């Protein structure tokens, strides 16, 4: 059925390629469940594993690399799901590099001319036809405007959207198959992960979304204060400027950042920059984005960071951002403070708010949180690893099969990446010491008289609005009751499942009665003489027995499938 659906949307060729890769890397059971084994045999494609001795995380990472851009992006998203995968899987997903052979400029130029409204040579004073970087979705070129401003031009690869859409259709069907047929994979919520991934990737395909993210963060840092160690008139945190007149879905033009890439720490030393100041400045900037603004760069790895003269930092690539509501930020502040202060009850309260009603063993979870915090009890603040504590906490959630909302998974991954970058710059970097003053200040700010009056005013306004609308709502309710249109919907957990079971039981009962009637009626017909016969039995009687046999077989299969589903 799955194969036929994919043929209908003309994805069969792509599906065969992906299935062959899965077989080669030892994931043939997945392709077999898709019904592709015979199709691949007919096509003469091998389906034996050539890499059986490699660890599963390595095999999966290499398979994703070979399957192409959509799957590389999927692996990068999975690297953020520390709540779903063990550290060894996260480490392998983190190795996925978004790179690809460059598309020739001649193939890029036509699309670029269409998007810019004129040929690149007419728009820019100089345009370097050799790409600075080539990734799976886009290529980046360097150019110079008429006023001699240096810019980068990011161009989406021609024809990439249909390929990605075909892969997303395949992924969605595969996730549905995995969730329905594999209890082991069901705990990873494959359909929800793929749904989030599809939304994220489609946003990433639209470069104007990335640029709006950059502008949003740039505005948040417009009045960012400096530190005594890095006092300068120029901005301490640099976000590239967007040139909106040439920016759209398939192309974006941004300010060129001249700096030292985050991975080149030796160059940082050679330039005379202070690693300690850079580590503190970067930590404060990301913490501000998270707990103060609620809009943060969700992938702050060294490839997206540049170090500038004057101990300044530039962030680039805002295709993946995280958003936190006011309620989420308050919960986060309480959680981080509770972790540092060793308050297990408050930690548990926040985790239960985050994971919803999925906790099966709340007492066991409480005990594990208590034990987890006890191992940090009495440690000085500078010896605490906030990233390590968050990793341990997420491991506990994983053991209890609890899944974090997507925004929080991104957030925790950003925290862990932030601490790792800080420690690379400065081995003595202490993220807890950087975070605590900011968290305490923000928490105090929420309970100042002015803040309490403001929230109280909002609550009063909402209450008055509700009271003012009450007569109208009552009037509508009474009107609906008088006209006989009043409906009450009660949503009881598992009620639909129970209804389906009753419906199936009723269907089997009806078929059983019909089968019994056919057997009795056919037996009566056998006693009638003078009618056409076949194999010594009246034709009508033989037909009745045949129908009864088919009905009986259907009943047996239906009961067996129902029993199997209940056992799973």
Protein backbone atom coordinates (compact mmCIF):
# COMPACT_ATOMS: atom_id res chain seq x y z
CA UNK A 1 0.00 0.00 0.00
CA UNK A 2 2.80 2.41 0.89
CA UNK A 3 4.68 1.58 -2.30
CA UNK A 4 1.57 2.17 -4.42
CA UNK A 5 1.01 5.55 -2.77
CA UNK A 6 4.56 6.59 -3.51
CA UNK A 7 4.30 5.44 -7.12
CA UNK A 8 1.19 7.61 -7.42
CA UNK A 9 3.21 10.70 -6.54
CA UNK A 10 6.07 9.72 -8.85
CA UNK A 11 8.59 9.19 -6.03
CA UNK A 12 9.39 5.54 -6.81
CA UNK A 13 12.81 6.18 -8.37
CA UNK A 14 13.92 8.28 -5.41
CA UNK A 15 12.49 5.68 -3.04
CA UNK A 16 14.52 2.92 -4.65
CA UNK A 17 17.73 4.93 -4.21
CA UNK A 18 17.01 5.55 -0.54
CA UNK A 19 16.01 1.94 0.09
CA UNK A 20 19.25 0.70 -1.47
CA UNK A 21 21.24 2.97 0.87
CA UNK A 22 19.27 1.69 3.86
CA UNK A 23 20.07 -1.91 2.89
CA UNK A 24 23.73 -1.09 2.37
CA UNK A 25 24.07 0.39 5.85
CA UNK A 26 22.26 -2.41 7.64
CA UNK A 27 18.78 -0.92 7.89
CA UNK A 28 17.18 -3.40 5.49
CA UNK A 29 14.36 -4.18 7.90
CA UNK A 30 13.00 -0.67 7.34
CA UNK A 31 13.00 -1.06 3.55
CA UNK A 32 11.51 -4.56 3.87
CA UNK A 33 8.59 -3.19 5.88
CA UNK A 34 8.03 -0.72 3.06
CA UNK A 35 7.55 -3.67 0.69
CA UNK A 36 10.59 -2.82 -1.45
CA UNK A 37 12.56 -6.07 -1.19
CA UNK A 38 11.10 -7.67 -4.32
CA UNK A 39 11.21 -4.43 -6.29
CA UNK A 40 14.92 -4.03 -5.53
CA UNK A 41 15.63 -7.67 -6.41
CA UNK A 42 13.92 -7.22 -9.78
CA UNK A 43 16.00 -4.11 -10.39
CA UNK A 44 19.17 -6.07 -9.64
CA UNK A 45 20.08 -3.88 -6.66
CA UNK A 46 22.10 -5.38 -3.79
CA UNK A 47 20.54 -5.28 -0.39
CA UNK A 48 23.24 -6.74 1.82
CA UNK A 49 24.86 -4.65 4.50
CA UNK A 50 28.43 -3.60 3.66
CA UNK A 51 28.97 -1.82 6.96
CA UNK A 52 27.55 -4.27 9.49
CA UNK A 53 30.57 -3.93 11.80
CA UNK A 54 30.13 -0.18 12.30
CA UNK A 55 28.23 1.06 15.39
CA UNK A 56 24.56 1.87 14.62
CA UNK A 57 24.96 5.65 15.19
CA UNK A 58 27.84 5.77 12.69
CA UNK A 59 25.93 3.70 10.14
CA UNK A 60 22.89 5.95 10.39
CA UNK A 61 24.97 9.13 10.11
CA UNK A 62 26.73 7.86 6.99
CA UNK A 63 23.42 6.73 5.48
CA UNK A 64 21.91 10.17 6.06
CA UNK A 65 24.93 11.81 4.39
CA UNK A 66 24.57 9.58 1.34
CA UNK A 67 20.81 10.10 1.05
CA UNK A 68 21.23 13.80 0.40
CA UNK A 69 20.32 17.29 1.65
CA UNK A 70 16.93 16.56 3.19
CA UNK A 71 18.36 13.79 5.33
CA UNK A 72 21.43 15.77 6.31
CA UNK A 73 19.08 18.49 7.55
CA UNK A 74 17.02 15.84 9.35
CA UNK A 75 20.15 14.58 11.10
CA UNK A 76 21.04 18.12 12.15
CA UNK A 77 17.57 18.52 13.63
CA UNK A 78 17.87 15.18 15.43
CA UNK A 79 21.13 16.46 16.93
CA UNK A 80 18.97 18.95 18.87
CA UNK A 81 16.71 16.21 20.30
CA UNK A 82 18.76 15.42 23.37
CA UNK A 83 15.51 14.30 24.97
CA UNK A 84 15.11 11.46 22.46
CA UNK A 85 18.60 10.14 21.71
CA UNK A 86 21.53 8.95 23.77
CA UNK A 87 24.75 11.06 23.75
CA UNK A 88 26.53 8.77 21.26
CA UNK A 89 23.72 9.32 18.74
CA UNK A 90 23.72 13.08 19.33
CA UNK A 91 27.50 13.16 18.83
CA UNK A 92 27.21 11.41 15.44
CA UNK A 93 24.34 13.61 14.28
CA UNK A 94 26.46 16.60 15.24
CA UNK A 95 29.13 15.49 12.73
CA UNK A 96 26.78 15.94 9.79
CA UNK A 97 28.22 18.73 7.67
CA UNK A 98 25.92 20.64 5.36
CA UNK A 99 28.20 20.77 2.32
CA UNK A 100 27.82 19.77 -1.31
CA UNK A 101 29.63 20.18 -4.65
CA UNK A 102 28.95 23.68 -6.05
CA UNK A 103 26.47 24.20 -8.86
CA UNK A 104 28.12 25.88 -11.90
CA UNK A 105 27.58 29.62 -11.99
CA UNK A 106 25.94 29.37 -15.41
CA UNK A 107 23.13 27.32 -13.82
CA UNK A 108 22.78 29.83 -10.96
CA UNK A 109 22.86 33.03 -13.02
CA UNK A 110 19.47 32.66 -14.73
CA UNK A 111 17.59 32.17 -11.45
CA UNK A 112 19.62 34.90 -9.75
CA UNK A 113 18.82 37.36 -12.53
CA UNK A 114 15.12 36.57 -12.22
CA UNK A 115 15.16 37.13 -8.44
CA UNK A 116 17.27 40.30 -8.47
CA UNK A 117 15.33 41.89 -11.34
CA UNK A 118 18.53 42.36 -13.36
CA UNK A 119 21.78 40.54 -14.09
CA UNK A 120 24.18 40.37 -11.13
CA UNK A 121 26.72 42.39 -13.12
CA UNK A 122 24.21 45.26 -13.32
CA UNK A 123 23.29 45.18 -9.61
CA UNK A 124 26.75 44.83 -8.10
CA UNK A 125 29.95 46.73 -8.74
CA UNK A 126 31.77 43.40 -8.49
CA UNK A 127 30.41 39.84 -8.23
CA UNK A 128 32.77 36.93 -7.54
CA UNK A 129 31.55 33.94 -9.52
CA UNK A 130 33.44 31.48 -7.30
CA UNK A 131 31.23 30.57 -4.31
CA UNK A 132 32.48 31.20 -0.78
CA UNK A 133 30.58 28.11 0.36
CA UNK A 134 28.33 25.48 -1.17
CA UNK A 135 25.75 23.76 1.00
CA UNK A 136 22.93 21.36 0.25
CA UNK A 137 20.30 24.07 -0.10
CA UNK A 138 22.23 27.18 -1.07
CA UNK A 139 25.46 28.65 -2.35
CA UNK A 140 27.06 31.82 -1.02
CA UNK A 141 28.89 34.39 -3.15
CA UNK A 142 30.82 37.49 -2.27
CA UNK A 143 30.01 40.81 -3.98
CA UNK A 144 30.53 44.56 -3.69
CA UNK A 145 27.86 47.23 -3.98
CA UNK A 146 28.22 50.53 -5.82
CA UNK A 147 29.08 52.30 -2.54
CA UNK A 148 31.89 49.71 -1.99
CA UNK A 149 30.00 47.90 0.79
CA UNK A 150 31.01 44.24 0.94
CA UNK A 151 28.07 41.82 0.91
CA UNK A 152 27.35 38.11 0.66
CA UNK A 153 24.71 36.82 -1.76
CA UNK A 154 23.02 33.59 -0.69
CA UNK A 155 21.28 31.78 -3.57
CA UNK A 156 19.00 28.76 -3.30
CA UNK A 157 20.05 25.85 -5.49
CA UNK A 158 17.88 25.61 -8.63
CA UNK A 159 15.38 22.75 -8.54
CA UNK A 160 16.03 21.86 -4.90
CA UNK A 161 12.43 22.36 -3.67
CA UNK A 162 10.81 19.47 -5.66
CA UNK A 163 13.53 17.08 -4.44
CA UNK A 164 12.99 18.12 -0.82
CA UNK A 165 9.20 17.92 -1.11
CA UNK A 166 9.47 14.36 -2.50
CA UNK A 167 11.75 13.38 0.38
CA UNK A 168 9.38 14.94 2.91
CA UNK A 169 6.46 12.95 1.50
CA UNK A 170 8.52 9.78 1.80
CA UNK A 171 9.61 10.64 5.34
CA UNK A 172 6.05 11.30 6.47
CA UNK A 173 4.87 7.93 5.14
CA UNK A 174 7.84 6.18 6.70
CA UNK A 175 7.18 7.83 10.07
CA UNK A 176 3.56 6.67 9.94
CA UNK A 177 4.73 3.14 9.17
CA UNK A 178 7.31 3.22 11.97
CA UNK A 179 4.81 4.50 14.52
CA UNK A 180 2.13 1.95 13.63
CA UNK A 181 4.32 -1.16 13.29
CA UNK A 182 7.33 -0.70 15.57
CA UNK A 183 6.81 -0.37 19.34
CA UNK A 184 10.55 0.38 19.70
CA UNK A 185 10.39 3.37 17.36
CA UNK A 186 7.03 4.57 18.66
CA UNK A 187 8.64 6.06 21.77
CA UNK A 188 10.64 8.42 19.54
CA UNK A 189 7.39 10.01 18.24
CA UNK A 190 8.51 9.75 14.58
CA UNK A 191 5.44 11.45 13.11
CA UNK A 192 5.79 14.46 15.40
CA UNK A 193 9.53 14.72 14.72
CA UNK A 194 8.99 14.59 10.95
CA UNK A 195 6.15 17.14 11.16
CA UNK A 196 8.38 19.58 13.04
CA UNK A 197 11.23 18.88 10.65
CA UNK A 198 9.06 19.57 7.60
CA UNK A 199 7.91 22.91 9.04
CA UNK A 200 11.49 23.87 9.91
CA UNK A 201 12.92 22.88 6.52
CA UNK A 202 10.21 24.68 4.54
CA UNK A 203 10.94 27.83 6.56
CA UNK A 204 14.64 27.38 5.85
CA UNK A 205 13.91 27.19 2.11
CA UNK A 206 12.50 30.73 2.32
CA UNK A 207 15.49 33.02 2.79
CA UNK A 208 13.28 35.99 3.63
CA UNK A 209 12.28 34.16 6.84
CA UNK A 210 15.94 33.79 7.81
CA UNK A 211 16.52 37.49 7.14
CA UNK A 212 13.50 38.51 9.23
CA UNK A 213 14.95 36.42 12.07
CA UNK A 214 18.28 38.22 11.70
CA UNK A 215 16.61 41.64 11.73
CA UNK A 216 14.60 40.72 14.82
CA UNK A 217 17.73 39.73 16.75
CA UNK A 218 19.63 42.74 15.40
CA UNK A 219 16.97 45.06 16.81
CA UNK A 220 17.11 43.28 20.17
CA UNK A 221 20.84 44.07 20.36
CA UNK A 222 20.50 47.67 19.15
CA UNK A 223 21.14 49.10 22.64
CA UNK A 224 23.13 46.20 24.07
CA UNK A 225 25.47 47.47 26.84
CA UNK A 226 29.19 46.80 26.77
CA UNK A 227 31.44 45.44 29.45
CA UNK A 228 34.32 47.18 31.17
CA UNK A 229 36.78 44.71 29.67
CA UNK A 230 35.63 45.34 26.08
CA UNK A 231 34.52 48.97 26.13
CA UNK A 232 34.20 50.22 22.56
CA UNK A 233 32.09 52.62 20.55
CA UNK A 234 31.28 49.93 18.00
CA UNK A 235 28.67 47.24 18.76
CA UNK A 236 29.95 44.35 20.84
CA UNK A 237 27.46 41.97 19.24
CA UNK A 238 27.25 42.22 15.46
CA UNK A 239 24.36 40.89 13.40
CA UNK A 240 24.71 41.28 9.60
CA UNK A 241 22.57 43.96 7.99
CA UNK A 242 19.99 42.78 5.42
CA UNK A 243 19.60 44.51 2.06
CA UNK A 244 15.88 44.00 1.60
CA UNK A 245 15.66 45.43 -1.93
CA UNK A 246 17.40 42.29 -3.23
CA UNK A 247 16.11 39.76 -0.72
CA UNK A 248 13.31 37.26 -1.33
CA UNK A 249 12.41 33.60 -1.09
CA UNK A 250 15.33 32.29 -3.20
CA UNK A 251 18.02 34.91 -2.62
CA UNK A 252 19.21 37.14 0.21
CA UNK A 253 21.87 39.83 0.33
CA UNK A 254 23.53 40.56 3.67
CA UNK A 255 26.47 42.48 5.04
CA UNK A 256 29.80 40.64 4.73
CA UNK A 257 31.44 39.91 8.10
CA UNK A 258 35.23 40.09 8.11
CA UNK A 259 36.37 38.15 11.16
CA UNK A 260 37.96 35.02 12.57
CA UNK A 261 35.74 31.90 12.27
CA UNK A 262 34.82 30.36 15.61
CA UNK A 263 36.76 27.17 14.91
CA UNK A 264 40.12 28.94 14.36
CA UNK A 265 41.17 29.50 17.97
CA UNK A 266 44.84 29.76 17.08
CA UNK A 267 44.02 32.75 14.87
CA UNK A 268 42.20 34.29 17.86
CA UNK A 269 45.42 34.14 19.87
CA UNK A 270 47.51 35.47 16.98
CA UNK A 271 45.14 38.44 16.61
CA UNK A 272 45.64 39.31 20.27
CA UNK A 273 42.01 38.78 21.25
CA UNK A 274 41.13 37.85 24.84
CA UNK A 275 39.51 34.42 24.95
CA UNK A 276 38.12 34.98 28.45
CA UNK A 277 36.32 38.16 27.40
CA UNK A 278 34.96 36.48 24.24
CA UNK A 279 33.62 33.52 26.25
CA UNK A 280 31.85 35.80 28.75
CA UNK A 281 30.50 38.11 26.05
CA UNK A 282 29.16 35.23 23.96
CA UNK A 283 27.52 33.62 26.99
CA UNK A 284 25.84 36.87 28.05
CA UNK A 285 24.60 37.49 24.50
CA UNK A 286 23.02 34.03 24.13
CA UNK A 287 21.56 34.18 27.66
CA UNK A 288 20.04 37.56 26.82
CA UNK A 289 18.45 36.10 23.68
CA UNK A 290 17.01 33.18 25.65
CA UNK A 291 15.83 34.49 29.02
CA UNK A 292 15.34 38.19 28.25
CA UNK A 293 14.17 38.33 24.62
CA UNK A 294 12.63 34.86 24.23
CA UNK A 295 13.96 34.77 20.64
CA UNK A 296 17.32 33.07 20.23
CA UNK A 297 19.83 31.65 17.79
CA UNK A 298 19.12 27.93 18.15
CA UNK A 299 22.38 26.72 16.61
CA UNK A 300 25.25 28.72 18.17
CA UNK A 301 28.06 26.40 17.05
CA UNK A 302 31.54 27.68 16.02
CA UNK A 303 30.61 27.72 12.32
CA UNK A 304 27.99 30.41 12.97
CA UNK A 305 30.24 32.67 15.07
CA UNK A 306 33.00 35.11 14.10
CA UNK A 307 35.40 36.90 16.43
CA UNK A 308 36.11 40.54 15.52
CA UNK A 309 38.78 43.09 16.50
CA UNK A 310 38.10 44.75 19.85
CA UNK A 311 36.91 41.47 21.42
CA UNK A 312 33.59 41.58 19.60
CA UNK A 313 31.40 38.73 18.32
CA UNK A 314 29.29 38.35 15.18
CA UNK A 315 26.51 35.78 14.76
CA UNK A 316 25.41 34.59 11.32
CA UNK A 317 22.93 32.09 9.81
CA UNK A 318 19.56 32.52 11.48
CA UNK A 319 17.76 29.75 9.63
CA UNK A 320 17.16 27.92 12.92
CA UNK A 321 15.81 30.05 15.76
CA UNK A 322 13.91 29.29 18.93
CA UNK A 323 10.99 31.16 20.48
CA UNK A 324 9.90 31.15 24.12
CA UNK A 325 6.68 32.54 25.53
CA UNK A 326 6.71 34.60 28.73
CA UNK A 327 5.43 31.56 30.60
CA UNK A 328 8.19 29.35 29.18
CA UNK A 329 10.85 31.91 30.12
CA UNK A 330 9.59 32.11 33.68
CA UNK A 331 9.59 28.31 33.91
CA UNK A 332 13.12 28.21 32.53
CA UNK A 333 14.37 30.75 35.07
CA UNK A 334 12.81 28.74 37.91
CA UNK A 335 14.33 25.51 36.54
CA UNK A 336 17.88 26.86 36.18
CA UNK A 337 17.78 28.48 39.60
CA UNK A 338 16.40 25.29 41.14
CA UNK A 339 19.17 23.22 39.52
CA UNK A 340 21.88 25.50 40.92
CA UNK A 341 20.20 25.81 44.34
CA UNK A 342 19.45 22.05 44.59
CA UNK A 343 15.65 22.31 44.86
CA UNK A 344 14.28 18.97 43.53
CA UNK A 345 10.61 19.81 44.15
CA UNK A 346 10.79 22.93 41.98
CA UNK A 347 12.72 21.06 39.28
CA UNK A 348 10.05 18.35 39.23
CA UNK A 349 7.21 20.90 39.05
CA UNK A 350 8.73 22.54 35.97
CA UNK A 351 9.41 19.20 34.26
CA UNK A 352 5.82 18.06 34.85
CA UNK A 353 4.58 21.33 33.35
CA UNK A 354 6.78 20.73 30.30
CA UNK A 355 6.05 17.06 29.67
CA UNK A 356 2.30 17.16 30.35
CA UNK A 357 0.35 14.13 31.52
CA UNK A 358 2.69 11.49 30.11
CA UNK A 359 4.38 10.63 33.42
CA UNK A 360 3.67 6.99 34.28
CA UNK A 361 5.73 6.79 37.48
CA UNK A 362 5.78 10.20 39.18
CA UNK A 363 7.20 8.78 42.42
CA UNK A 364 10.09 7.14 40.56
CA UNK A 365 10.77 10.35 38.62
CA UNK A 366 10.79 12.34 41.88
CA UNK A 367 13.31 9.95 43.43
CA UNK A 368 15.61 10.10 40.40
CA UNK A 369 15.52 13.91 40.39
CA UNK A 370 16.41 13.90 44.09
CA UNK A 371 19.35 11.52 43.53
CA UNK A 372 20.44 13.53 40.49
CA UNK A 373 20.61 16.79 42.48
CA UNK A 374 22.24 15.15 45.50
CA UNK A 375 25.36 14.40 43.47
CA UNK A 376 25.86 18.16 42.95
CA UNK A 377 25.06 19.11 46.53
CA UNK A 378 27.79 21.13 48.21
CA UNK A 379 29.78 21.77 45.05
CA UNK A 380 31.01 25.36 44.61
CA UNK A 381 29.28 27.29 41.85
CA UNK A 382 32.38 27.36 39.65
CA UNK A 383 32.50 23.54 39.65
CA UNK A 384 28.96 23.18 38.36
CA UNK A 385 28.47 22.37 34.69
CA UNK A 386 25.07 23.73 33.75
CA UNK A 387 25.22 21.96 30.39
CA UNK A 388 26.15 18.70 32.12
CA UNK A 389 23.28 19.08 34.58
CA UNK A 390 20.81 19.70 31.76
CA UNK A 391 22.16 16.65 29.89
CA UNK A 392 21.72 14.46 32.98
CA UNK A 393 18.22 15.81 33.55
CA UNK A 394 17.23 15.07 29.96
CA UNK A 395 18.64 11.55 30.30
CA UNK A 396 16.23 10.98 33.19
CA UNK A 397 13.34 12.16 31.01
CA UNK A 398 14.48 9.79 28.27
CA UNK A 399 14.42 6.85 30.68
CA UNK A 400 10.82 7.70 31.55
CA UNK A 401 9.89 8.04 27.86
CA UNK A 402 9.04 11.71 28.28
CA UNK A 403 9.39 14.03 25.29
CA UNK A 404 10.08 17.75 25.55
CA UNK A 405 8.25 20.25 23.35
CA UNK A 406 10.31 21.22 20.30
CA UNK A 407 11.11 24.73 21.54
CA UNK A 408 12.56 23.38 24.78
CA UNK A 409 14.61 20.70 23.01
CA UNK A 410 16.18 23.46 20.90
CA UNK A 411 16.77 25.51 24.02
CA UNK A 412 18.60 22.79 25.94
CA UNK A 413 20.75 21.95 22.91
CA UNK A 414 21.63 25.66 22.60
CA UNK A 415 22.66 25.73 26.29
CA UNK A 416 24.86 22.66 25.89
CA UNK A 417 26.48 24.07 22.71
CA UNK A 418 27.01 27.42 24.43
CA UNK A 419 28.85 25.91 27.37
CA UNK A 420 30.97 23.77 25.04
CA UNK A 421 32.02 26.83 23.03
CA UNK A 422 32.78 28.77 26.20
CA UNK A 423 35.00 25.98 27.53
CA UNK A 424 36.88 25.81 24.21
CA UNK A 425 37.65 29.51 24.47
CA UNK A 426 38.41 29.49 28.18
CA UNK A 427 38.90 26.21 30.11
CA UNK A 428 37.91 28.07 33.30
CA UNK A 429 34.66 29.34 31.76
CA UNK A 430 31.82 29.19 34.30
CA UNK A 431 28.42 29.49 32.67
CA UNK A 432 26.61 29.13 36.00
CA UNK A 433 28.39 32.20 37.35
CA UNK A 434 27.44 34.13 34.20
CA UNK A 435 23.82 32.97 34.27
CA UNK A 436 22.98 33.32 37.96
CA UNK A 437 23.08 37.14 38.26
CA UNK A 438 20.98 37.56 35.12
CA UNK A 439 18.43 34.94 36.23
CA UNK A 440 18.09 36.42 39.70
CA UNK A 441 17.75 39.93 38.29
CA UNK A 442 15.03 38.87 35.85
CA UNK A 443 13.20 36.96 38.58
CA UNK A 444 13.30 39.99 40.90
CA UNK A 445 12.11 42.20 38.05
CA UNK A 446 8.98 40.06 37.70
CA UNK A 447 8.00 40.82 41.31
CA UNK A 448 8.68 44.52 41.53
CA UNK A 449 5.63 46.61 42.52
CA UNK A 450 5.41 48.04 39.00
CA UNK A 451 5.51 44.58 37.39
CA UNK A 452 2.90 43.23 39.81
CA UNK A 453 0.63 46.22 39.15
CA UNK A 454 1.04 45.72 35.39
CA UNK A 455 0.18 42.00 35.55
CA UNK A 456 -2.67 42.74 37.94
CA UNK A 457 -4.02 45.34 35.54
CA UNK A 458 -3.88 42.84 32.68
CA UNK A 459 -5.71 40.25 34.78
CA UNK A 460 -8.40 42.77 35.75
CA UNK A 461 -8.82 43.81 32.11
CA UNK A 462 -9.21 40.19 31.01
CA UNK A 463 -11.73 39.53 33.81
CA UNK A 464 -13.78 42.62 32.94
CA UNK A 465 -13.77 41.64 29.26
CA UNK A 466 -15.04 38.19 30.21
CA UNK A 467 -17.78 39.65 32.44
CA UNK A 468 -18.80 42.16 29.79
CA UNK A 469 -19.21 39.39 27.22
CA UNK A 470 -21.11 37.09 29.59
CA UNK A 471 -24.66 38.39 28.80
CA UNK A 472 -24.05 37.98 25.08
CA UNK A 473 -22.69 34.45 25.56
CA UNK A 474 -25.67 33.49 27.76
CA UNK A 475 -28.06 34.91 25.19
CA UNK A 476 -26.50 32.83 22.43
CA UNK A 477 -26.61 29.73 24.66
CA UNK A 478 -30.33 30.17 25.45
CA UNK A 479 -31.13 30.90 21.80
CA UNK A 480 -29.40 27.70 20.72
CA UNK A 481 -31.29 25.73 23.41
CA UNK A 482 -34.66 27.11 22.29
CA UNK A 483 -33.94 26.15 18.67
CA UNK A 484 -32.82 22.67 19.65
CA UNK A 485 -29.28 23.31 18.45
CA UNK A 486 -27.53 23.03 21.80
CA UNK A 487 -24.79 20.41 21.62
CA UNK A 488 -22.52 19.15 24.40
CA UNK A 489 -19.26 17.50 23.36
CA UNK A 490 -17.52 15.29 25.90
CA UNK A 491 -14.01 14.18 25.00
CA UNK A 492 -13.06 11.13 27.06
CA UNK A 493 -9.58 9.67 26.65
CA UNK A 494 -9.62 6.41 24.63
CA UNK A 495 -13.38 6.75 23.97
CA UNK A 496 -12.79 6.68 20.22
CA UNK A 497 -10.74 3.51 20.59
CA UNK A 498 -13.48 1.86 22.64
CA UNK A 499 -16.05 2.91 20.04
CA UNK A 500 -13.96 1.39 17.26
CA UNK A 501 -13.70 -1.85 19.22
CA UNK A 502 -17.49 -1.97 19.73
CA UNK A 503 -18.04 -1.21 16.06
CA UNK A 504 -15.67 -4.01 15.05
CA UNK A 505 -17.35 -6.44 17.45
CA UNK A 506 -20.79 -5.56 16.03
CA UNK A 507 -19.52 -6.11 12.48
CA UNK A 508 -18.12 -9.52 13.40
CA UNK A 509 -21.40 -10.46 15.10
CA UNK A 510 -23.40 -9.52 11.98
CA UNK A 511 -21.04 -11.48 9.72
CA UNK A 512 -21.29 -14.46 12.10
CA UNK A 513 -25.08 -14.39 11.91
CA UNK A 514 -24.98 -14.15 8.11
CA UNK A 515 -22.50 -17.07 7.92
CA UNK A 516 -24.74 -19.16 10.19
CA UNK A 517 -27.78 -18.30 8.05
CA UNK A 518 -25.91 -19.25 4.87
CA UNK A 519 -24.90 -22.60 6.34
CA UNK A 520 -28.45 -23.37 7.50
CA UNK A 521 -30.03 -22.18 4.24
CA UNK A 522 -27.55 -24.10 2.09
CA UNK A 523 -28.13 -27.23 4.12
CA UNK A 524 -31.88 -26.93 3.50
CA UNK A 525 -31.32 -26.42 -0.24
CA UNK A 526 -29.33 -29.69 -0.42
CA UNK A 527 -32.55 -31.59 0.39
CA UNK A 528 -34.37 -30.14 -2.61
CA UNK A 529 -34.46 -32.40 -5.65
CA UNK A 530 -34.71 -31.55 -9.32
CA UNK A 531 -32.32 -28.59 -9.34
CA UNK A 532 -29.01 -28.11 -11.14
CA UNK A 533 -26.09 -29.67 -9.30
CA UNK A 534 -22.29 -29.49 -9.29
CA UNK A 535 -20.00 -32.01 -7.53
CA UNK A 536 -23.12 -33.73 -6.30
CA UNK A 537 -24.52 -30.62 -4.61
CA UNK A 538 -27.13 -28.13 -5.82
CA UNK A 539 -25.39 -25.09 -7.38
CA UNK A 540 -27.23 -22.67 -5.08
CA UNK A 541 -26.27 -24.74 -2.03
CA UNK A 542 -22.63 -24.91 -3.17
CA UNK A 543 -22.54 -21.14 -3.67
CA UNK A 544 -24.00 -20.62 -0.17
CA UNK A 545 -21.36 -22.87 1.45
CA UNK A 546 -18.60 -21.02 -0.46
CA UNK A 547 -19.83 -17.64 0.79
CA UNK A 548 -20.11 -19.03 4.32
CA UNK A 549 -16.52 -20.31 4.10
CA UNK A 550 -15.23 -16.90 2.96
CA UNK A 551 -17.16 -15.18 5.74
CA UNK A 552 -15.82 -17.65 8.34
CA UNK A 553 -12.25 -17.10 7.13
CA UNK A 554 -12.73 -13.33 7.40
CA UNK A 555 -14.01 -13.75 10.95
CA UNK A 556 -10.95 -15.81 11.98
CA UNK A 557 -8.52 -13.29 10.48
CA UNK A 558 -10.36 -10.34 12.05
CA UNK A 559 -10.31 -11.91 15.51
CA UNK A 560 -6.59 -12.82 15.16
CA UNK A 561 -5.62 -9.28 14.07
CA UNK A 562 -7.63 -7.75 16.90
CA UNK A 563 -5.94 -10.00 19.48
CA UNK A 564 -2.51 -9.15 18.07
CA UNK A 565 -3.21 -5.40 18.23
CA UNK A 566 -4.35 -5.70 21.86
CA UNK A 567 -1.14 -7.54 22.78
CA UNK A 568 0.98 -4.74 21.27
